[in-house]
Amino acid sequence: AIKVLAVDMDSTLINIECIDEIADFTGKKAAVSE
């Protein structure tokens, strides 16, 4: 009966949290990741 598949992106479909990786380029990854 399943007709719809809904998937989250960050850390589910893909291997990273995109916002944390963007922050890594600014040197603020630790603050954002927290």
PDB file of all heavy atoms in Angstrom:
ATOM      1  N   ALA A   1       0.818  -1.218   0.000  1.00  0.00           N
ATOM      2  CA  ALA A   1       0.000   0.000   0.000  1.00  0.00           C
ATOM      3  C   ALA A   1       0.852   1.270   0.000  1.00  0.00           C
ATOM      4  O   ALA A   1       0.326   2.371  -0.158  1.00  0.00           O
ATOM      5  CB  ALA A   1      -0.932   0.003   1.206  1.00  0.00           C
ATOM      6  N   ILE A   2       2.169   1.130   0.182  1.00  0.00           N
ATOM      7  CA  ILE A   2       3.043   2.302   0.203  1.00  0.00           C
ATOM      8  C   ILE A   2       3.085   2.944  -1.185  1.00  0.00           C
ATOM      9  O   ILE A   2       3.374   2.291  -2.183  1.00  0.00           O
ATOM     10  CB  ILE A   2       4.477   1.909   0.652  1.00  0.00           C
ATOM     11  CG1 ILE A   2       4.463   1.428   2.113  1.00  0.00           C
ATOM     12  CG2 ILE A   2       5.438   3.090   0.485  1.00  0.00           C
ATOM     13  CD1 ILE A   2       4.042   2.475   3.125  1.00  0.00           C
ATOM     14  N   LYS A   3       2.784   4.255  -1.223  1.00  0.00           N
ATOM     15  CA  LYS A   3       2.729   4.992  -2.480  1.00  0.00           C
ATOM     16  C   LYS A   3       3.710   6.163  -2.534  1.00  0.00           C
ATOM     17  O   LYS A   3       3.991   6.686  -3.609  1.00  0.00           O
ATOM     18  CB  LYS A   3       1.309   5.550  -2.703  1.00  0.00           C
ATOM     19  CG  LYS A   3       0.199   4.501  -2.717  1.00  0.00           C
ATOM     20  CD  LYS A   3       0.373   3.508  -3.849  1.00  0.00           C
ATOM     21  CE  LYS A   3      -0.767   2.484  -3.857  1.00  0.00           C
ATOM     22  NZ  LYS A   3      -0.503   1.407  -4.854  1.00  0.00           N
ATOM     23  N   VAL A   4       4.200   6.585  -1.362  1.00  0.00           N
ATOM     24  CA  VAL A   4       5.072   7.761  -1.274  1.00  0.00           C
ATOM     25  C   VAL A   4       6.333   7.409  -0.483  1.00  0.00           C
ATOM     26  O   VAL A   4       6.250   6.735   0.552  1.00  0.00           O
ATOM     27  CB  VAL A   4       4.349   8.945  -0.582  1.00  0.00           C
ATOM     28  CG1 VAL A   4       5.300  10.110  -0.337  1.00  0.00           C
ATOM     29  CG2 VAL A   4       3.151   9.396  -1.407  1.00  0.00           C
ATOM     30  N   LEU A   5       7.488   7.859  -0.967  1.00  0.00           N
ATOM     31  CA  LEU A   5       8.746   7.752  -0.228  1.00  0.00           C
ATOM     32  C   LEU A   5       9.233   9.163   0.046  1.00  0.00           C
ATOM     33  O   LEU A   5       9.495   9.932  -0.882  1.00  0.00           O
ATOM     34  CB  LEU A   5       9.797   6.991  -1.031  1.00  0.00           C
ATOM     35  CG  LEU A   5      11.236   7.055  -0.477  1.00  0.00           C
ATOM     36  CD1 LEU A   5      11.326   6.373   0.887  1.00  0.00           C
ATOM     37  CD2 LEU A   5      12.225   6.449  -1.460  1.00  0.00           C
ATOM     38  N   ALA A   6       9.341   9.527   1.319  1.00  0.00           N
ATOM     39  CA  ALA A   6       9.831  10.848   1.717  1.00  0.00           C
ATOM     40  C   ALA A   6      11.125  10.680   2.505  1.00  0.00           C
ATOM     41  O   ALA A   6      11.157   9.942   3.490  1.00  0.00           O
ATOM     42  CB  ALA A   6       8.787  11.574   2.556  1.00  0.00           C
ATOM     43  N   VAL A   7      12.176  11.362   2.065  1.00  0.00           N
ATOM     44  CA  VAL A   7      13.501  11.189   2.659  1.00  0.00           C
ATOM     45  C   VAL A   7      14.083  12.539   3.064  1.00  0.00           C
ATOM     46  O   VAL A   7      13.999  13.514   2.310  1.00  0.00           O
ATOM     47  CB  VAL A   7      14.465  10.499   1.657  1.00  0.00           C
ATOM     48  CG1 VAL A   7      15.792  10.156   2.330  1.00  0.00           C
ATOM     49  CG2 VAL A   7      13.842   9.244   1.063  1.00  0.00           C
ATOM     50  N   ASP A   8      14.679  12.583   4.235  1.00  0.00           N
ATOM     51  CA  ASP A   8      15.456  13.736   4.687  1.00  0.00           C
ATOM     52  C   ASP A   8      16.786  13.745   3.924  1.00  0.00           C
ATOM     53  O   ASP A   8      17.228  12.702   3.436  1.00  0.00           O
ATOM     54  CB  ASP A   8      15.683  13.606   6.197  1.00  0.00           C
ATOM     55  CG  ASP A   8      16.727  14.570   6.714  1.00  0.00           C
ATOM     56  OD1 ASP A   8      16.565  15.786   6.521  1.00  0.00           O
ATOM     57  OD2 ASP A   8      17.730  14.100   7.302  1.00  0.00           O
ATOM     58  N   MET A   9      17.430  14.899   3.831  1.00  0.00           N
ATOM     59  CA  MET A   9      18.695  14.967   3.087  1.00  0.00           C
ATOM     60  C   MET A   9      19.933  14.794   3.969  1.00  0.00           C
ATOM     61  O   MET A   9      20.611  13.775   3.912  1.00  0.00           O
ATOM     62  CB  MET A   9      18.803  16.293   2.316  1.00  0.00           C
ATOM     63  CG  MET A   9      20.121  16.406   1.518  1.00  0.00           C
ATOM     64  SD  MET A   9      20.236  17.881   0.461  1.00  0.00           S
ATOM     65  CE  MET A   9      20.384  19.182   1.689  1.00  0.00           C
ATOM     66  N   ASP A  10      20.234  15.818   4.783  1.00  0.00           N
ATOM     67  CA  ASP A  10      21.502  15.828   5.521  1.00  0.00           C
ATOM     68  C   ASP A  10      21.606  14.675   6.509  1.00  0.00           C
ATOM     69  O   ASP A  10      20.736  14.490   7.363  1.00  0.00           O
ATOM     70  CB  ASP A  10      21.658  17.154   6.266  1.00  0.00           C
ATOM     71  CG  ASP A  10      21.779  18.325   5.309  1.00  0.00           C
ATOM     72  OD1 ASP A  10      22.885  18.570   4.808  1.00  0.00           O
ATOM     73  OD2 ASP A  10      20.752  18.990   5.052  1.00  0.00           O
ATOM     74  N   SER A  11      22.666  13.889   6.382  1.00  0.00           N
ATOM     75  CA  SER A  11      22.979  12.747   7.257  1.00  0.00           C
ATOM     76  C   SER A  11      22.010  11.578   7.103  1.00  0.00           C
ATOM     77  O   SER A  11      22.162  10.568   7.784  1.00  0.00           O
ATOM     78  CB  SER A  11      23.056  13.168   8.731  1.00  0.00           C
ATOM     79  OG  SER A  11      24.123  14.083   8.911  1.00  0.00           O
ATOM     80  N   THR A  12      21.016  11.709   6.210  1.00  0.00           N
ATOM     81  CA  THR A  12      20.130  10.579   5.903  1.00  0.00           C
ATOM     82  C   THR A  12      20.413  10.135   4.474  1.00  0.00           C
ATOM     83  O   THR A  12      21.026   9.102   4.238  1.00  0.00           O
ATOM     84  CB  THR A  12      18.643  10.945   6.063  1.00  0.00           C
ATOM     85  OG1 THR A  12      18.396  11.386   7.405  1.00  0.00           O
ATOM     86  CG2 THR A  12      17.761   9.730   5.790  1.00  0.00           C
ATOM     87  N   LEU A  13      20.015  10.951   3.510  1.00  0.00           N
ATOM     88  CA  LEU A  13      20.289  10.613   2.108  1.00  0.00           C
ATOM     89  C   LEU A  13      21.773  10.780   1.787  1.00  0.00           C
ATOM     90  O   LEU A  13      22.334  10.006   1.008  1.00  0.00           O
ATOM     91  CB  LEU A  13      19.465  11.505   1.182  1.00  0.00           C
ATOM     92  CG  LEU A  13      19.637  11.206  -0.306  1.00  0.00           C
ATOM     93  CD1 LEU A  13      18.929   9.908  -0.681  1.00  0.00           C
ATOM     94  CD2 LEU A  13      19.148  12.358  -1.161  1.00  0.00           C
ATOM     95  N   ILE A  14      22.387  11.792   2.383  1.00  0.00           N
ATOM     96  CA  ILE A  14      23.800  12.079   2.094  1.00  0.00           C
ATOM     97  C   ILE A  14      24.648  11.996   3.359  1.00  0.00           C
ATOM     98  O   ILE A  14      24.124  11.960   4.473  1.00  0.00           O
ATOM     99  CB  ILE A  14      23.965  13.464   1.430  1.00  0.00           C
ATOM    100  CG1 ILE A  14      23.507  14.580   2.384  1.00  0.00           C
ATOM    101  CG2 ILE A  14      23.202  13.511   0.107  1.00  0.00           C
ATOM    102  CD1 ILE A  14      23.784  15.985   1.884  1.00  0.00           C
ATOM    103  N   ASN A  15      25.968  12.003   3.164  1.00  0.00           N
ATOM    104  CA  ASN A  15      26.910  11.705   4.244  1.00  0.00           C
ATOM    105  C   ASN A  15      27.279  12.889   5.109  1.00  0.00           C
ATOM    106  O   ASN A  15      28.022  12.728   6.081  1.00  0.00           O
ATOM    107  CB  ASN A  15      28.200  11.130   3.638  1.00  0.00           C
ATOM    108  CG  ASN A  15      28.901  12.138   2.715  1.00  0.00           C
ATOM    109  OD1 ASN A  15      28.245  12.920   2.026  1.00  0.00           O
ATOM    110  ND2 ASN A  15      30.211  12.122   2.676  1.00  0.00           N
ATOM    111  N   ILE A  16      26.811  14.084   4.783  1.00  0.00           N
ATOM    112  CA  ILE A  16      27.232  15.279   5.523  1.00  0.00           C
ATOM    113  C   ILE A  16      26.041  16.119   5.963  1.00  0.00           C
ATOM    114  O   ILE A  16      24.919  15.921   5.501  1.00  0.00           O
ATOM    115  CB  ILE A  16      28.168  16.174   4.660  1.00  0.00           C
ATOM    116  CG1 ILE A  16      27.446  16.605   3.369  1.00  0.00           C
ATOM    117  CG2 ILE A  16      29.486  15.477   4.366  1.00  0.00           C
ATOM    118  CD1 ILE A  16      28.207  17.641   2.547  1.00  0.00           C
ATOM    119  N   GLU A  17      26.318  17.060   6.869  1.00  0.00           N
ATOM    120  CA  GLU A  17      25.405  18.155   7.179  1.00  0.00           C
ATOM    121  C   GLU A  17      25.943  19.340   6.374  1.00  0.00           C
ATOM    122  O   GLU A  17      26.996  19.905   6.699  1.00  0.00           O
ATOM    123  CB  GLU A  17      25.408  18.478   8.675  1.00  0.00           C
ATOM    124  CG  GLU A  17      24.786  17.426   9.552  1.00  0.00           C
ATOM    125  CD  GLU A  17      23.259  17.426   9.508  1.00  0.00           C
ATOM    126  OE1 GLU A  17      22.668  18.477   9.165  1.00  0.00           O
ATOM    127  OE2 GLU A  17      22.664  16.373   9.796  1.00  0.00           O
ATOM    128  N   CYS A  18      25.259  19.710   5.320  1.00  0.00           N
ATOM    129  CA  CYS A  18      25.782  20.720   4.395  1.00  0.00           C
ATOM    130  C   CYS A  18      26.144  22.025   5.094  1.00  0.00           C
ATOM    131  O   CYS A  18      27.166  22.644   4.803  1.00  0.00           O
ATOM    132  CB  CYS A  18      24.779  20.978   3.277  1.00  0.00           C
ATOM    133  SG  CYS A  18      24.588  19.577   2.149  1.00  0.00           S
ATOM    134  N   ILE A  19      25.308  22.450   6.036  1.00  0.00           N
ATOM    135  CA  ILE A  19      25.564  23.735   6.699  1.00  0.00           C
ATOM    136  C   ILE A  19      26.862  23.698   7.503  1.00  0.00           C
ATOM    137  O   ILE A  19      27.608  24.676   7.554  1.00  0.00           O
ATOM    138  CB  ILE A  19      24.368  24.146   7.589  1.00  0.00           C
ATOM    139  CG1 ILE A  19      24.507  25.618   7.997  1.00  0.00           C
ATOM    140  CG2 ILE A  19      24.218  23.238   8.806  1.00  0.00           C
ATOM    141  CD1 ILE A  19      23.246  26.202   8.590  1.00  0.00           C
ATOM    142  N   ASP A  20      27.177  22.540   8.079  1.00  0.00           N
ATOM    143  CA  ASP A  20      28.433  22.405   8.833  1.00  0.00           C
ATOM    144  C   ASP A  20      29.626  22.499   7.897  1.00  0.00           C
ATOM    145  O   ASP A  20      30.672  23.074   8.254  1.00  0.00           O
ATOM    146  CB  ASP A  20      28.469  21.072   9.575  1.00  0.00           C
ATOM    147  CG  ASP A  20      27.425  20.979  10.684  1.00  0.00           C
ATOM    148  OD1 ASP A  20      26.716  21.980  10.909  1.00  0.00           O
ATOM    149  OD2 ASP A  20      27.323  19.917  11.317  1.00  0.00           O
ATOM    150  N   GLU A  21      29.495  21.920   6.692  1.00  0.00           N
ATOM    151  CA  GLU A  21      30.596  21.948   5.735  1.00  0.00           C
ATOM    152  C   GLU A  21      30.810  23.354   5.175  1.00  0.00           C
ATOM    153  O   GLU A  21      31.940  23.773   4.950  1.00  0.00           O
ATOM    154  CB  GLU A  21      30.341  20.955   4.599  1.00  0.00           C
ATOM    155  CG  GLU A  21      30.210  19.515   5.059  1.00  0.00           C
ATOM    156  CD  GLU A  21      31.388  19.044   5.902  1.00  0.00           C
ATOM    157  OE1 GLU A  21      32.546  19.335   5.532  1.00  0.00           O
ATOM    158  OE2 GLU A  21      31.147  18.406   6.945  1.00  0.00           O
ATOM    159  N   ILE A  22      29.723  24.096   4.958  1.00  0.00           N
ATOM    160  CA  ILE A  22      29.859  25.487   4.511  1.00  0.00           C
ATOM    161  C   ILE A  22      30.604  26.279   5.587  1.00  0.00           C
ATOM    162  O   ILE A  22      31.517  27.061   5.299  1.00  0.00           O
ATOM    163  CB  ILE A  22      28.485  26.131   4.234  1.00  0.00           C
ATOM    164  CG1 ILE A  22      27.745  25.374   3.130  1.00  0.00           C
ATOM    165  CG2 ILE A  22      28.643  27.598   3.843  1.00  0.00           C
ATOM    166  CD1 ILE A  22      26.280  25.773   2.974  1.00  0.00           C
ATOM    167  N   ALA A  23      30.217  26.048   6.830  1.00  0.00           N
ATOM    168  CA  ALA A  23      30.850  26.758   7.951  1.00  0.00           C
ATOM    169  C   ALA A  23      32.327  26.426   8.070  1.00  0.00           C
ATOM    170  O   ALA A  23      33.131  27.250   8.511  1.00  0.00           O
ATOM    171  CB  ALA A  23      30.133  26.421   9.255  1.00  0.00           C
ATOM    172  N   ASP A  24      32.698  25.215   7.643  1.00  0.00           N
ATOM    173  CA  ASP A  24      34.095  24.785   7.716  1.00  0.00           C
ATOM    174  C   ASP A  24      34.990  25.714   6.900  1.00  0.00           C
ATOM    175  O   ASP A  24      36.146  25.959   7.259  1.00  0.00           O
ATOM    176  CB  ASP A  24      34.219  23.347   7.206  1.00  0.00           C
ATOM    177  CG  ASP A  24      35.545  22.709   7.577  1.00  0.00           C
ATOM    178  OD1 ASP A  24      36.137  23.110   8.604  1.00  0.00           O
ATOM    179  OD2 ASP A  24      36.006  21.812   6.845  1.00  0.00           O
ATOM    180  N   PHE A  25      34.449  26.256   5.805  1.00  0.00           N
ATOM    181  CA  PHE A  25      35.226  27.162   4.960  1.00  0.00           C
ATOM    182  C   PHE A  25      35.427  28.527   5.610  1.00  0.00           C
ATOM    183  O   PHE A  25      36.249  29.318   5.159  1.00  0.00           O
ATOM    184  CB  PHE A  25      34.540  27.332   3.600  1.00  0.00           C
ATOM    185  CG  PHE A  25      34.800  26.198   2.645  1.00  0.00           C
ATOM    186  CD1 PHE A  25      34.072  25.023   2.728  1.00  0.00           C
ATOM    187  CD2 PHE A  25      35.779  26.295   1.667  1.00  0.00           C
ATOM    188  CE1 PHE A  25      34.303  23.970   1.855  1.00  0.00           C
ATOM    189  CE2 PHE A  25      36.016  25.245   0.790  1.00  0.00           C
ATOM    190  CZ  PHE A  25      35.280  24.079   0.885  1.00  0.00           C
ATOM    191  N   THR A  26      34.655  28.815   6.649  1.00  0.00           N
ATOM    192  CA  THR A  26      34.780  30.108   7.334  1.00  0.00           C
ATOM    193  C   THR A  26      35.515  29.981   8.659  1.00  0.00           C
ATOM    194  O   THR A  26      35.699  30.959   9.371  1.00  0.00           O
ATOM    195  CB  THR A  26      33.381  30.701   7.610  1.00  0.00           C
ATOM    196  OG1 THR A  26      32.738  29.907   8.625  1.00  0.00           O
ATOM    197  CG2 THR A  26      32.530  30.712   6.366  1.00  0.00           C
ATOM    198  N   GLY A  27      35.871  28.756   9.010  1.00  0.00           N
ATOM    199  CA  GLY A  27      36.511  28.528  10.309  1.00  0.00           C
ATOM    200  C   GLY A  27      35.526  28.517  11.449  1.00  0.00           C
ATOM    201  O   GLY A  27      35.903  28.601  12.619  1.00  0.00           O
ATOM    202  N   LYS A  28      34.219  28.396  11.120  1.00  0.00           N
ATOM    203  CA  LYS A  28      33.180  28.438  12.159  1.00  0.00           C
ATOM    204  C   LYS A  28      32.451  27.104  12.299  1.00  0.00           C
ATOM    205  O   LYS A  28      31.352  27.043  12.834  1.00  0.00           O
ATOM    206  CB  LYS A  28      32.175  29.545  11.847  1.00  0.00           C
ATOM    207  CG  LYS A  28      32.796  30.947  11.874  1.00  0.00           C
ATOM    208  CD  LYS A  28      31.779  32.009  11.508  1.00  0.00           C
ATOM    209  CE  LYS A  28      32.409  33.394  11.543  1.00  0.00           C
ATOM    210  NZ  LYS A  28      31.467  34.443  11.086  1.00  0.00           N
ATOM    211  N   LYS A  29      33.079  26.024  11.812  1.00  0.00           N
ATOM    212  CA  LYS A  29      32.386  24.731  11.817  1.00  0.00           C
ATOM    213  C   LYS A  29      32.017  24.295  13.230  1.00  0.00           C
ATOM    214  O   LYS A  29      30.922  23.769  13.458  1.00  0.00           O
ATOM    215  CB  LYS A  29      33.231  23.651  11.144  1.00  0.00           C
ATOM    216  CG  LYS A  29      32.499  22.314  11.037  1.00  0.00           C
ATOM    217  CD  LYS A  29      33.252  21.294  10.209  1.00  0.00           C
ATOM    218  CE  LYS A  29      32.444  20.020  10.058  1.00  0.00           C
ATOM    219  NZ  LYS A  29      33.115  19.017   9.208  1.00  0.00           N
ATOM    220  N   ALA A  30      32.913  24.488  14.191  1.00  0.00           N
ATOM    221  CA  ALA A  30      32.646  24.039  15.563  1.00  0.00           C
ATOM    222  C   ALA A  30      31.412  24.735  16.131  1.00  0.00           C
ATOM    223  O   ALA A  30      30.547  24.088  16.735  1.00  0.00           O
ATOM    224  CB  ALA A  30      33.862  24.294  16.451  1.00  0.00           C
ATOM    225  N   ALA A  31      31.315  26.046  15.906  1.00  0.00           N
ATOM    226  CA  ALA A  31      30.185  26.816  16.439  1.00  0.00           C
ATOM    227  C   ALA A  31      28.878  26.381  15.796  1.00  0.00           C
ATOM    228  O   ALA A  31      27.857  26.200  16.473  1.00  0.00           O
ATOM    229  CB  ALA A  31      30.416  28.310  16.212  1.00  0.00           C
ATOM    230  N   VAL A  32      28.897  26.190  14.465  1.00  0.00           N
ATOM    231  CA  VAL A  32      27.684  25.790  13.744  1.00  0.00           C
ATOM    232  C   VAL A  32      27.307  24.354  14.084  1.00  0.00           C
ATOM    233  O   VAL A  32      26.143  24.033  14.317  1.00  0.00           O
ATOM    234  CB  VAL A  32      27.874  25.979  12.222  1.00  0.00           C
ATOM    235  CG1 VAL A  32      26.723  25.345  11.451  1.00  0.00           C
ATOM    236  CG2 VAL A  32      27.962  27.465  11.881  1.00  0.00           C
ATOM    237  N   SER A  33      28.307  23.466  14.117  1.00  0.00           N
ATOM    238  CA  SER A  33      28.049  22.047  14.420  1.00  0.00           C
ATOM    239  C   SER A  33      27.433  21.857  15.791  1.00  0.00           C
ATOM    240  O   SER A  33      26.583  20.994  15.991  1.00  0.00           O
ATOM    241  CB  SER A  33      29.351  21.229  14.332  1.00  0.00           C
ATOM    242  OG  SER A  33      29.849  21.206  13.022  1.00  0.00           O
ATOM    243  N   GLU A  34      27.865  22.681  16.737  1.00  0.00           N
ATOM    244  CA  GLU A  34      27.329  22.588  18.106  1.00  0.00           C
ATOM    245  C   GLU A  34      25.824  22.864  18.107  1.00  0.00           C
ATOM    246  O   GLU A  34      25.050  22.150  18.757  1.00  0.00           O
ATOM    247  CB  GLU A  34      28.055  23.596  19.004  1.00  0.00           C
ATOM    248  CG  GLU A  34      27.700  23.484  20.476  1.00  0.00           C
ATOM    249  CD  GLU A  34      28.495  24.459  21.332  1.00  0.00           C
ATOM    250  OE1 GLU A  34      29.608  24.846  20.935  1.00  0.00           O
ATOM    251  OE2 GLU A  34      27.980  24.830  22.402  1.00  0.00           O
TER     252      GLU A  34
END
